[in-house]
Amino acid sequence: MSPPFRMRITVLFFILISVSAFAQVKLPTSETGQVQYQEIVRLGDGKGPARSVFDQIRTWARQQYPMANEAELHYDQQHGIVFVRSLYSIGNYSIRYTLTIEARIGRYRATITDLVAEQGGLIQPVRSVSTSADEMERAAVDSVKNSSLIKQIADDQAELYRQIDTACRDTLASLKQSLTGWATKKDD
């Protein structure tokens, strides 16, 4: 191999290794910086009564969160709002969250907030960005600065954040699929 070719391979190798060390997962946030997933969905012709939309949201919530589950369901019929407090089990973490679904005329707004990671009695809010290995290394006490361990912890946290992102998006997609399917049948 020629020296320039070896050098290119070496540089590429270090770039690939460093990318994972700097790989952070960014979650969507509200204006205040809190992790928040939000979706506003118009149903059918957008003219269906809010009461019908609320009833369909309630039906979806009962199916999605059966009583045997650890979910708390609250219905505010007067304002057309369904509140859900539940959790995602991801690996050995429990990710607690609040889902608020507001029924309006021909549409709804679903918002997932208050994400908290719990593992072995330790509770920590889910931040908008996973911590990088560099940030962890800077914060580590000198006696704890094991670079490979810190990198593994950062990679594990980034993977957890990817799975949290997937779980939240799947919840919103399930709601959307259920309600748009209902609206399509209703309009036929």
Protein backbone atom coordinates (compact mmCIF):
# COMPACT_ATOMS: atom_id res chain seq x y z
CA MET A 1 0.00 0.00 0.00
CA SER A 2 1.19 3.47 -0.75
CA PRO A 3 1.58 5.93 2.15
CA PRO A 4 -1.23 8.27 0.90
CA PHE A 5 -3.64 5.31 0.67
CA ARG A 6 -2.77 4.14 4.22
CA MET A 7 -3.21 7.66 5.46
CA ARG A 8 -6.67 7.91 3.87
CA ILE A 9 -7.73 4.62 5.44
CA THR A 10 -6.38 5.72 8.83
CA VAL A 11 -8.22 9.05 8.63
CA LEU A 12 -11.44 7.31 7.56
CA PHE A 13 -11.09 4.84 10.45
CA PHE A 14 -10.73 7.65 13.00
CA ILE A 15 -13.64 9.57 11.49
CA LEU A 16 -15.89 6.51 11.79
CA ILE A 17 -14.85 5.92 15.39
CA SER A 18 -15.26 9.57 16.37
CA VAL A 19 -18.71 9.85 14.75
CA SER A 20 -20.17 7.37 17.24
CA ALA A 21 -18.53 9.28 20.11
CA PHE A 22 -20.21 12.48 18.95
CA ALA A 23 -23.49 10.86 17.91
CA GLN A 24 -26.25 12.46 19.87
CA VAL A 25 -29.95 11.95 19.52
CA LYS A 26 -32.06 15.09 19.46
CA LEU A 27 -35.72 14.81 20.46
CA PRO A 28 -38.43 17.33 19.51
CA THR A 29 -39.07 20.10 22.02
CA SER A 30 -41.62 22.74 22.92
CA GLU A 31 -40.86 26.47 22.96
CA THR A 32 -39.69 26.05 26.56
CA GLY A 33 -37.16 23.35 25.65
CA GLN A 34 -39.12 20.46 27.21
CA VAL A 35 -39.23 17.22 25.21
CA GLN A 36 -42.58 17.25 23.45
CA TYR A 37 -44.13 15.31 20.60
CA GLN A 38 -47.16 17.02 19.13
CA GLU A 39 -49.39 16.35 16.17
CA ILE A 40 -52.53 18.09 14.93
CA VAL A 41 -54.57 15.90 12.59
CA ARG A 42 -57.55 16.92 10.49
CA LEU A 43 -60.11 14.15 10.14
CA GLY A 44 -62.10 13.56 6.97
CA ASP A 45 -63.76 16.71 5.70
CA GLY A 46 -62.80 18.54 8.92
CA LYS A 47 -66.42 19.14 9.87
CA GLY A 48 -67.18 16.20 12.16
CA PRO A 49 -68.54 17.12 15.58
CA ALA A 50 -66.00 17.33 18.39
CA ARG A 51 -68.16 14.95 20.44
CA SER A 52 -67.74 12.17 17.83
CA VAL A 53 -63.99 12.82 17.66
CA PHE A 54 -63.80 12.64 21.47
CA ASP A 55 -65.72 9.34 21.51
CA GLN A 56 -63.32 7.83 18.98
CA ILE A 57 -60.30 9.05 20.94
CA ARG A 58 -61.76 7.46 24.07
CA THR A 59 -62.34 4.17 22.20
CA TRP A 60 -58.74 4.18 20.96
CA ALA A 61 -57.41 4.94 24.46
CA ARG A 62 -59.37 2.08 26.01
CA GLN A 63 -58.01 -0.33 23.39
CA GLN A 64 -54.45 0.99 23.56
CA TYR A 65 -54.33 1.11 27.37
CA PRO A 66 -56.33 -1.80 28.81
CA MET A 67 -57.11 -1.69 32.53
CA ALA A 68 -54.51 -4.39 33.31
CA ASN A 69 -51.81 -2.03 32.06
CA GLU A 70 -50.17 0.55 34.34
CA ALA A 71 -51.91 3.38 32.51
CA GLU A 72 -54.11 6.01 34.09
CA LEU A 73 -56.89 7.28 31.85
CA HIS A 74 -58.87 10.43 32.59
CA TYR A 75 -61.62 11.84 30.42
CA ASP A 76 -62.69 15.48 30.50
CA GLN A 77 -65.89 15.19 28.51
CA GLN A 78 -66.83 18.84 28.97
CA HIS A 79 -63.63 20.03 27.25
CA GLY A 80 -63.13 17.02 24.96
CA ILE A 81 -59.78 16.01 26.41
CA VAL A 82 -58.34 12.57 27.14
CA PHE A 83 -55.38 12.37 29.55
CA VAL A 84 -53.19 9.27 29.64
CA ARG A 85 -50.32 8.59 32.04
CA SER A 86 -48.45 5.46 31.06
CA LEU A 87 -45.03 4.03 30.37
CA TYR A 88 -42.94 2.42 27.71
CA SER A 89 -40.79 -0.54 28.77
CA ILE A 90 -37.53 -0.18 26.89
CA GLY A 91 -34.86 -2.65 27.93
CA ASN A 92 -34.53 -2.33 31.68
CA TYR A 93 -35.94 1.21 31.65
CA SER A 94 -39.46 2.39 32.30
CA ILE A 95 -40.12 5.59 30.37
CA ARG A 96 -43.08 7.36 31.94
CA TYR A 97 -45.00 9.91 29.89
CA THR A 98 -48.19 11.94 29.66
CA LEU A 99 -50.34 11.89 26.53
CA THR A 100 -52.97 14.61 26.15
CA ILE A 101 -55.43 14.33 23.28
CA GLU A 102 -57.77 17.24 22.60
CA ALA A 103 -60.82 16.72 20.37
CA ARG A 104 -61.98 19.62 18.24
CA ILE A 105 -64.41 19.98 15.36
CA GLY A 106 -63.04 17.69 12.65
CA ARG A 107 -59.57 17.36 14.15
CA TYR A 108 -57.56 16.52 17.25
CA ARG A 109 -54.27 17.52 18.82
CA ALA A 110 -52.15 14.86 20.53
CA THR A 111 -49.22 15.83 22.75
CA ILE A 112 -46.72 13.59 24.53
CA THR A 113 -44.81 15.30 27.35
CA ASP A 114 -43.31 14.72 30.80
CA LEU A 115 -40.97 11.93 29.69
CA VAL A 116 -39.04 10.48 32.62
CA ALA A 117 -36.60 7.54 32.53
CA GLU A 118 -36.63 5.20 35.51
CA GLN A 119 -34.16 2.39 36.12
CA GLY A 120 -33.46 0.59 39.37
CA GLY A 121 -35.03 3.31 41.48
CA LEU A 122 -33.15 6.12 39.74
CA ILE A 123 -35.38 8.67 38.03
CA GLN A 124 -34.18 11.19 35.48
CA PRO A 125 -36.07 13.47 33.09
CA VAL A 126 -35.51 12.71 29.42
CA ARG A 127 -33.53 15.62 28.02
CA SER A 128 -33.92 17.09 24.57
CA VAL A 129 -30.49 15.80 23.50
CA SER A 130 -28.66 12.68 24.64
CA THR A 131 -25.35 13.33 26.35
CA SER A 132 -22.23 12.90 24.23
CA ALA A 133 -19.17 10.94 25.36
CA ASP A 134 -17.17 14.19 25.35
CA GLU A 135 -19.66 15.85 27.72
CA MET A 136 -19.59 12.83 30.01
CA GLU A 137 -15.80 12.73 29.96
CA ARG A 138 -15.55 16.42 30.87
CA ALA A 139 -17.98 15.89 33.78
CA ALA A 140 -16.31 12.71 35.05
CA VAL A 141 -14.11 12.79 38.11
CA ASP A 142 -10.46 12.05 37.28
CA SER A 143 -10.60 8.64 39.00
CA VAL A 144 -13.60 7.62 36.86
CA LYS A 145 -12.29 8.69 33.44
CA ASN A 146 -12.41 5.38 31.61
CA SER A 147 -12.87 6.52 28.01
CA SER A 148 -14.23 3.23 26.69
CA LEU A 149 -16.75 2.98 29.55
CA ILE A 150 -17.85 6.58 29.04
CA LYS A 151 -18.24 6.00 25.29
CA GLN A 152 -20.33 2.87 25.93
CA ILE A 153 -22.59 4.76 28.35
CA ALA A 154 -23.07 7.59 25.83
CA ASP A 155 -23.82 5.08 23.05
CA ASP A 156 -26.31 3.26 25.31
CA GLN A 157 -28.05 6.54 26.15
CA ALA A 158 -28.20 7.52 22.46
CA GLU A 159 -29.78 4.14 21.65
CA LEU A 160 -32.30 4.58 24.49
CA TYR A 161 -33.22 8.01 23.10
CA ARG A 162 -33.67 6.51 19.61
CA GLN A 163 -36.02 3.90 21.08
CA ILE A 164 -37.94 6.56 23.05
CA ASP A 165 -38.32 8.56 19.83
CA THR A 166 -39.63 5.48 17.99
CA ALA A 167 -42.08 4.59 20.79
CA CYS A 168 -43.53 8.13 20.93
CA ARG A 169 -43.89 8.35 17.15
CA ASP A 170 -45.50 4.87 17.08
CA THR A 171 -48.08 5.96 19.67
CA LEU A 172 -49.02 9.03 17.63
CA ALA A 173 -49.12 6.96 14.42
CA SER A 174 -51.44 4.40 16.05
CA LEU A 175 -53.83 7.15 17.13
CA LYS A 176 -53.73 8.77 13.70
CA GLN A 177 -54.33 5.48 11.89
CA SER A 178 -57.27 4.64 14.14
CA LEU A 179 -58.95 8.04 13.89
CA THR A 180 -58.34 8.64 10.19
CA GLY A 181 -59.67 5.12 9.51
CA TRP A 182 -62.78 5.96 11.54
CA ALA A 183 -63.21 9.30 9.73
CA THR A 184 -62.87 7.60 6.33
CA LYS A 185 -65.54 5.00 7.23
CA LYS A 186 -67.80 7.72 8.63
CA ASP A 187 -67.53 9.78 5.41
CA ASP A 188 -68.35 6.79 3.15
